[in-house]
N, C-alpha and C. Protein backbone atom coordinates (compact mmCIF):
# COMPACT_ATOMS: atom_id res chain seq x y z
N GLN A 1 67.24 121.45 89.06
CA GLN A 1 68.53 121.55 88.39
C GLN A 1 69.52 122.23 89.33
N VAL A 2 70.70 121.67 89.43
CA VAL A 2 71.75 122.23 90.26
C VAL A 2 72.94 122.55 89.36
N LEU A 3 73.39 123.77 89.40
CA LEU A 3 74.57 124.18 88.66
C LEU A 3 75.75 124.23 89.62
N LEU A 4 76.83 123.56 89.25
CA LEU A 4 78.02 123.49 90.11
C LEU A 4 79.20 124.10 89.40
N VAL A 5 79.92 124.96 90.09
CA VAL A 5 81.09 125.60 89.51
C VAL A 5 82.27 125.45 90.47
N GLU A 6 83.29 124.72 90.00
CA GLU A 6 84.48 124.52 90.81
C GLU A 6 85.48 125.65 90.59
N SER A 7 86.30 125.88 91.59
CA SER A 7 87.39 126.85 91.48
C SER A 7 88.48 126.47 92.46
N GLY A 8 89.64 127.09 92.29
CA GLY A 8 90.73 126.88 93.22
C GLY A 8 91.85 126.01 92.70
N GLY A 9 91.66 125.40 91.53
CA GLY A 9 92.72 124.59 90.97
C GLY A 9 93.92 125.45 90.58
N ALA A 10 95.11 124.84 90.67
CA ALA A 10 96.33 125.61 90.37
C ALA A 10 97.50 124.65 90.21
N LEU A 11 98.64 125.22 89.88
CA LEU A 11 99.91 124.49 89.86
C LEU A 11 100.56 124.70 91.22
N VAL A 12 100.93 123.60 91.86
CA VAL A 12 101.51 123.67 93.20
C VAL A 12 102.64 122.66 93.30
N GLN A 13 103.60 122.96 94.15
CA GLN A 13 104.71 122.02 94.34
C GLN A 13 104.30 120.89 95.26
N ALA A 14 104.95 119.76 95.10
CA ALA A 14 104.69 118.62 95.99
C ALA A 14 104.89 119.05 97.44
N GLY A 15 103.99 118.59 98.29
CA GLY A 15 104.01 118.97 99.69
C GLY A 15 103.16 120.18 100.01
N GLY A 16 102.71 120.85 98.99
CA GLY A 16 101.91 122.05 99.18
C GLY A 16 100.45 121.75 99.43
N SER A 17 99.67 122.82 99.52
CA SER A 17 98.24 122.71 99.82
C SER A 17 97.42 123.54 98.85
N LEU A 18 96.19 123.11 98.66
CA LEU A 18 95.21 123.86 97.88
C LEU A 18 93.85 123.64 98.51
N ARG A 19 92.97 124.62 98.34
CA ARG A 19 91.58 124.43 98.72
C ARG A 19 90.70 124.66 97.49
N LEU A 20 89.98 123.63 97.13
CA LEU A 20 89.01 123.74 96.04
C LEU A 20 87.65 124.12 96.60
N SER A 21 86.94 124.90 95.82
CA SER A 21 85.57 125.28 96.18
C SER A 21 84.62 124.84 95.09
N CYS A 22 83.42 124.54 95.49
CA CYS A 22 82.36 124.17 94.55
C CYS A 22 81.12 124.97 94.94
N ALA A 23 80.82 125.98 94.16
CA ALA A 23 79.67 126.83 94.42
C ALA A 23 78.46 126.30 93.66
N ALA A 24 77.37 126.13 94.37
CA ALA A 24 76.15 125.60 93.77
C ALA A 24 75.11 126.69 93.62
N SER A 25 74.30 126.56 92.60
CA SER A 25 73.17 127.46 92.40
C SER A 25 72.01 126.67 91.82
N GLY A 26 70.84 127.23 91.93
CA GLY A 26 69.64 126.57 91.43
C GLY A 26 68.85 125.91 92.53
N ARG A 27 69.51 125.19 93.40
CA ARG A 27 68.88 124.56 94.55
C ARG A 27 69.86 124.55 95.69
N THR A 28 69.33 124.46 96.90
CA THR A 28 70.21 124.38 98.05
C THR A 28 70.85 123.01 98.13
N ILE A 29 72.14 122.98 98.49
CA ILE A 29 72.84 121.71 98.54
C ILE A 29 72.50 120.90 99.79
N SER A 30 71.75 121.48 100.71
CA SER A 30 71.46 120.77 101.95
C SER A 30 70.71 119.47 101.70
N GLY A 31 70.04 119.39 100.57
CA GLY A 31 69.28 118.19 100.25
C GLY A 31 70.06 117.16 99.44
N TYR A 32 71.34 117.40 99.24
CA TYR A 32 72.13 116.54 98.37
C TYR A 32 73.39 116.02 99.05
N ASN A 33 73.75 114.81 98.70
CA ASN A 33 75.10 114.35 98.97
C ASN A 33 76.03 115.08 98.02
N MET A 34 77.18 115.50 98.52
CA MET A 34 78.13 116.22 97.70
C MET A 34 79.43 115.45 97.62
N GLY A 35 79.94 115.29 96.42
CA GLY A 35 81.15 114.51 96.24
C GLY A 35 82.19 115.23 95.42
N TRP A 36 83.43 114.78 95.61
CA TRP A 36 84.54 115.23 94.79
C TRP A 36 85.12 114.01 94.08
N PHE A 37 85.39 114.17 92.81
CA PHE A 37 85.98 113.13 91.99
C PHE A 37 87.15 113.75 91.24
N ARG A 38 87.99 112.90 90.66
CA ARG A 38 89.10 113.43 89.86
C ARG A 38 89.39 112.48 88.70
N GLN A 39 89.96 113.06 87.67
CA GLN A 39 90.34 112.27 86.50
C GLN A 39 91.70 112.73 86.02
N ALA A 40 92.65 111.81 86.07
CA ALA A 40 94.00 112.08 85.59
C ALA A 40 94.07 111.71 84.11
N PRO A 41 95.02 112.26 83.38
CA PRO A 41 95.15 111.95 81.95
C PRO A 41 95.31 110.45 81.72
N GLY A 42 94.49 109.92 80.83
CA GLY A 42 94.58 108.52 80.49
C GLY A 42 93.96 107.58 81.50
N LYS A 43 93.34 108.13 82.53
CA LYS A 43 92.73 107.29 83.57
C LYS A 43 91.25 107.57 83.69
N GLU A 44 90.55 106.64 84.32
CA GLU A 44 89.12 106.83 84.54
C GLU A 44 88.89 107.78 85.72
N ARG A 45 87.72 108.38 85.72
CA ARG A 45 87.35 109.24 86.83
C ARG A 45 87.24 108.40 88.11
N GLU A 46 87.75 108.93 89.21
CA GLU A 46 87.73 108.18 90.47
C GLU A 46 87.18 109.04 91.59
N PHE A 47 86.61 108.36 92.56
CA PHE A 47 86.06 109.00 93.74
C PHE A 47 87.20 109.52 94.61
N VAL A 48 86.99 110.71 95.18
CA VAL A 48 87.97 111.29 96.08
C VAL A 48 87.40 111.43 97.50
N ALA A 49 86.26 112.10 97.61
CA ALA A 49 85.69 112.35 98.94
C ALA A 49 84.23 112.72 98.79
N ALA A 50 83.48 112.57 99.88
CA ALA A 50 82.07 112.93 99.86
C ALA A 50 81.61 113.37 101.24
N ALA A 51 80.62 114.25 101.23
CA ALA A 51 79.98 114.71 102.46
C ALA A 51 78.49 114.41 102.34
N ARG A 52 77.99 113.60 103.26
CA ARG A 52 76.59 113.20 103.20
C ARG A 52 75.67 114.37 103.48
N ARG A 53 74.43 114.25 102.99
CA ARG A 53 73.50 115.37 103.05
C ARG A 53 72.84 115.54 104.40
N SER A 54 72.54 114.44 105.07
CA SER A 54 71.68 114.54 106.24
C SER A 54 72.42 114.41 107.56
N VAL A 55 73.59 113.83 107.53
CA VAL A 55 74.36 113.67 108.76
C VAL A 55 75.80 114.09 108.48
N SER A 56 76.51 114.32 109.53
CA SER A 56 77.88 114.78 109.38
C SER A 56 78.82 113.60 109.14
N ILE A 57 78.64 112.98 108.00
CA ILE A 57 79.48 111.84 107.64
C ILE A 57 80.26 112.19 106.39
N THR A 58 81.54 111.95 106.45
CA THR A 58 82.40 112.14 105.30
C THR A 58 83.13 110.84 104.99
N THR A 59 83.38 110.62 103.72
CA THR A 59 84.11 109.43 103.30
C THR A 59 85.22 109.86 102.35
N TYR A 60 86.27 109.06 102.31
CA TYR A 60 87.45 109.38 101.52
C TYR A 60 88.00 108.15 100.82
N ALA A 61 88.60 108.39 99.67
CA ALA A 61 89.38 107.34 99.03
C ALA A 61 90.62 107.08 99.89
N ASP A 62 91.06 105.84 99.88
CA ASP A 62 92.24 105.50 100.69
C ASP A 62 93.45 106.35 100.31
N SER A 63 93.53 106.70 99.05
CA SER A 63 94.71 107.43 98.56
C SER A 63 94.80 108.85 99.10
N VAL A 64 93.71 109.38 99.64
CA VAL A 64 93.73 110.76 100.13
C VAL A 64 93.43 110.88 101.62
N LYS A 65 93.12 109.77 102.26
CA LYS A 65 92.81 109.81 103.70
C LYS A 65 93.97 110.40 104.48
N GLY A 66 93.61 111.29 105.39
CA GLY A 66 94.63 111.92 106.22
C GLY A 66 95.26 113.14 105.58
N ARG A 67 95.01 113.34 104.29
CA ARG A 67 95.58 114.50 103.59
C ARG A 67 94.50 115.47 103.11
N PHE A 68 93.36 114.94 102.70
CA PHE A 68 92.28 115.76 102.17
C PHE A 68 91.13 115.83 103.17
N THR A 69 90.45 116.96 103.18
CA THR A 69 89.28 117.13 104.04
C THR A 69 88.16 117.78 103.23
N VAL A 70 87.01 117.12 103.23
CA VAL A 70 85.83 117.68 102.55
C VAL A 70 84.93 118.33 103.59
N SER A 71 84.38 119.46 103.24
CA SER A 71 83.45 120.14 104.14
C SER A 71 82.39 120.84 103.31
N ARG A 72 81.28 121.14 103.96
CA ARG A 72 80.20 121.81 103.26
C ARG A 72 79.68 122.95 104.12
N ASP A 73 79.34 124.04 103.48
CA ASP A 73 78.72 125.18 104.13
C ASP A 73 77.37 125.38 103.44
N ASN A 74 76.34 124.80 104.04
CA ASN A 74 75.03 124.86 103.41
C ASN A 74 74.51 126.29 103.32
N ALA A 75 74.90 127.13 104.26
CA ALA A 75 74.45 128.52 104.23
C ALA A 75 75.01 129.26 103.01
N LYS A 76 76.24 128.88 102.62
CA LYS A 76 76.86 129.50 101.45
C LYS A 76 76.65 128.67 100.19
N ASN A 77 75.96 127.54 100.36
CA ASN A 77 75.71 126.65 99.21
C ASN A 77 77.01 126.26 98.52
N THR A 78 78.01 125.94 99.32
CA THR A 78 79.35 125.68 98.80
C THR A 78 79.95 124.47 99.50
N VAL A 79 80.70 123.71 98.73
CA VAL A 79 81.44 122.58 99.26
C VAL A 79 82.92 122.83 99.01
N TYR A 80 83.74 122.37 99.93
CA TYR A 80 85.17 122.60 99.84
C TYR A 80 85.95 121.29 99.88
N LEU A 81 87.12 121.31 99.31
CA LEU A 81 88.05 120.19 99.43
C LEU A 81 89.41 120.78 99.78
N GLN A 82 89.80 120.62 101.03
CA GLN A 82 91.11 121.06 101.47
C GLN A 82 92.10 119.94 101.20
N MET A 83 93.14 120.26 100.45
CA MET A 83 94.11 119.24 100.05
C MET A 83 95.48 119.64 100.59
N ASN A 84 96.01 118.82 101.46
CA ASN A 84 97.33 119.05 102.05
C ASN A 84 98.30 117.96 101.62
N SER A 85 99.57 118.22 101.82
CA SER A 85 100.62 117.25 101.49
C SER A 85 100.43 116.68 100.09
N LEU A 86 100.23 117.55 99.15
CA LEU A 86 99.94 117.12 97.78
C LEU A 86 101.11 116.37 97.17
N LYS A 87 100.75 115.40 96.35
CA LYS A 87 101.72 114.56 95.67
C LYS A 87 101.54 114.69 94.16
N PRO A 88 102.58 114.41 93.39
CA PRO A 88 102.41 114.47 91.93
C PRO A 88 101.27 113.59 91.42
N GLU A 89 101.03 112.48 92.09
CA GLU A 89 99.94 111.59 91.65
C GLU A 89 98.56 112.16 91.94
N ASP A 90 98.48 113.29 92.62
CA ASP A 90 97.19 113.96 92.81
C ASP A 90 96.84 114.84 91.61
N THR A 91 97.75 114.96 90.67
CA THR A 91 97.49 115.75 89.47
C THR A 91 96.29 115.20 88.70
N ALA A 92 95.31 116.04 88.46
CA ALA A 92 94.08 115.61 87.79
C ALA A 92 93.15 116.81 87.63
N VAL A 93 92.10 116.59 86.87
CA VAL A 93 90.97 117.52 86.88
C VAL A 93 90.04 117.06 87.98
N TYR A 94 89.69 117.98 88.86
CA TYR A 94 88.82 117.68 89.99
C TYR A 94 87.41 118.17 89.72
N TYR A 95 86.46 117.28 89.96
CA TYR A 95 85.05 117.57 89.69
C TYR A 95 84.24 117.51 90.97
N CYS A 96 83.30 118.40 91.07
CA CYS A 96 82.32 118.40 92.15
C CYS A 96 81.04 117.77 91.60
N ALA A 97 80.33 117.04 92.46
CA ALA A 97 79.09 116.41 92.04
C ALA A 97 78.07 116.47 93.16
N ALA A 98 76.80 116.46 92.76
CA ALA A 98 75.70 116.50 93.72
C ALA A 98 74.67 115.45 93.34
N GLY A 99 74.08 114.83 94.35
CA GLY A 99 73.05 113.85 94.06
C GLY A 99 72.42 113.33 95.33
N ILE A 100 71.41 112.47 95.15
CA ILE A 100 70.75 111.87 96.30
C ILE A 100 71.10 110.39 96.37
N ASN A 101 70.66 109.61 95.42
CA ASN A 101 71.09 108.20 95.34
C ASN A 101 72.29 108.03 94.42
N LEU A 102 72.26 108.74 93.34
CA LEU A 102 73.39 108.80 92.41
C LEU A 102 73.81 110.26 92.29
N TYR A 103 74.98 110.47 91.73
CA TYR A 103 75.42 111.85 91.49
C TYR A 103 74.85 112.29 90.13
N ASP A 104 73.85 113.15 90.20
CA ASP A 104 73.14 113.56 89.00
C ASP A 104 73.69 114.83 88.37
N TYR A 105 74.36 115.64 89.16
CA TYR A 105 74.83 116.93 88.70
C TYR A 105 76.34 117.02 88.87
N TRP A 106 76.98 117.57 87.84
CA TRP A 106 78.44 117.64 87.81
C TRP A 106 78.88 119.03 87.40
N GLY A 107 80.01 119.45 87.96
CA GLY A 107 80.62 120.69 87.54
C GLY A 107 81.52 120.45 86.33
N GLN A 108 82.14 121.53 85.87
CA GLN A 108 82.98 121.43 84.67
C GLN A 108 84.42 121.03 84.99
N GLY A 109 84.78 121.07 86.26
CA GLY A 109 86.10 120.63 86.67
C GLY A 109 87.09 121.76 86.83
N THR A 110 88.10 121.52 87.65
CA THR A 110 89.18 122.48 87.84
C THR A 110 90.50 121.71 87.89
N GLN A 111 91.51 122.22 87.21
CA GLN A 111 92.77 121.50 87.06
C GLN A 111 93.67 121.71 88.27
N VAL A 112 94.16 120.60 88.78
CA VAL A 112 95.17 120.62 89.84
C VAL A 112 96.42 119.93 89.30
N THR A 113 97.53 120.63 89.34
CA THR A 113 98.79 120.06 88.88
C THR A 113 99.81 120.18 89.99
N VAL A 114 100.39 119.04 90.35
CA VAL A 114 101.37 119.00 91.43
C VAL A 114 102.73 118.67 90.82
N SER A 115 103.66 119.58 90.96
CA SER A 115 104.99 119.38 90.38
C SER A 115 105.95 118.79 91.41
N THR A 116 106.97 118.12 90.91
CA THR A 116 107.96 117.51 91.80
C THR A 116 109.01 118.53 92.23
């Protein structure tokens, strides 16, 4: 069992930056792929970024490429999402997830609101 707790969500102006953190407990995240997803009001949850478990490979949704950076610190059992040049359309609840083939474990989410 992996418990994930996100933090760092806030209200920020367009063009600003935020760093989200996802602290894991129960098991070390080194054995898991770690992902970030988001869900805006009235929309389905969508993939944002992921950091693979065994190699230094990261993937991003086209909508955030060049603006967001995912990283993991296995020693701290924490995953981060650095978000720069934020846009109002980035407003959503952001979720951290962990898994091997599928994402089996999810956090409770943290709200990010980007104002114009």
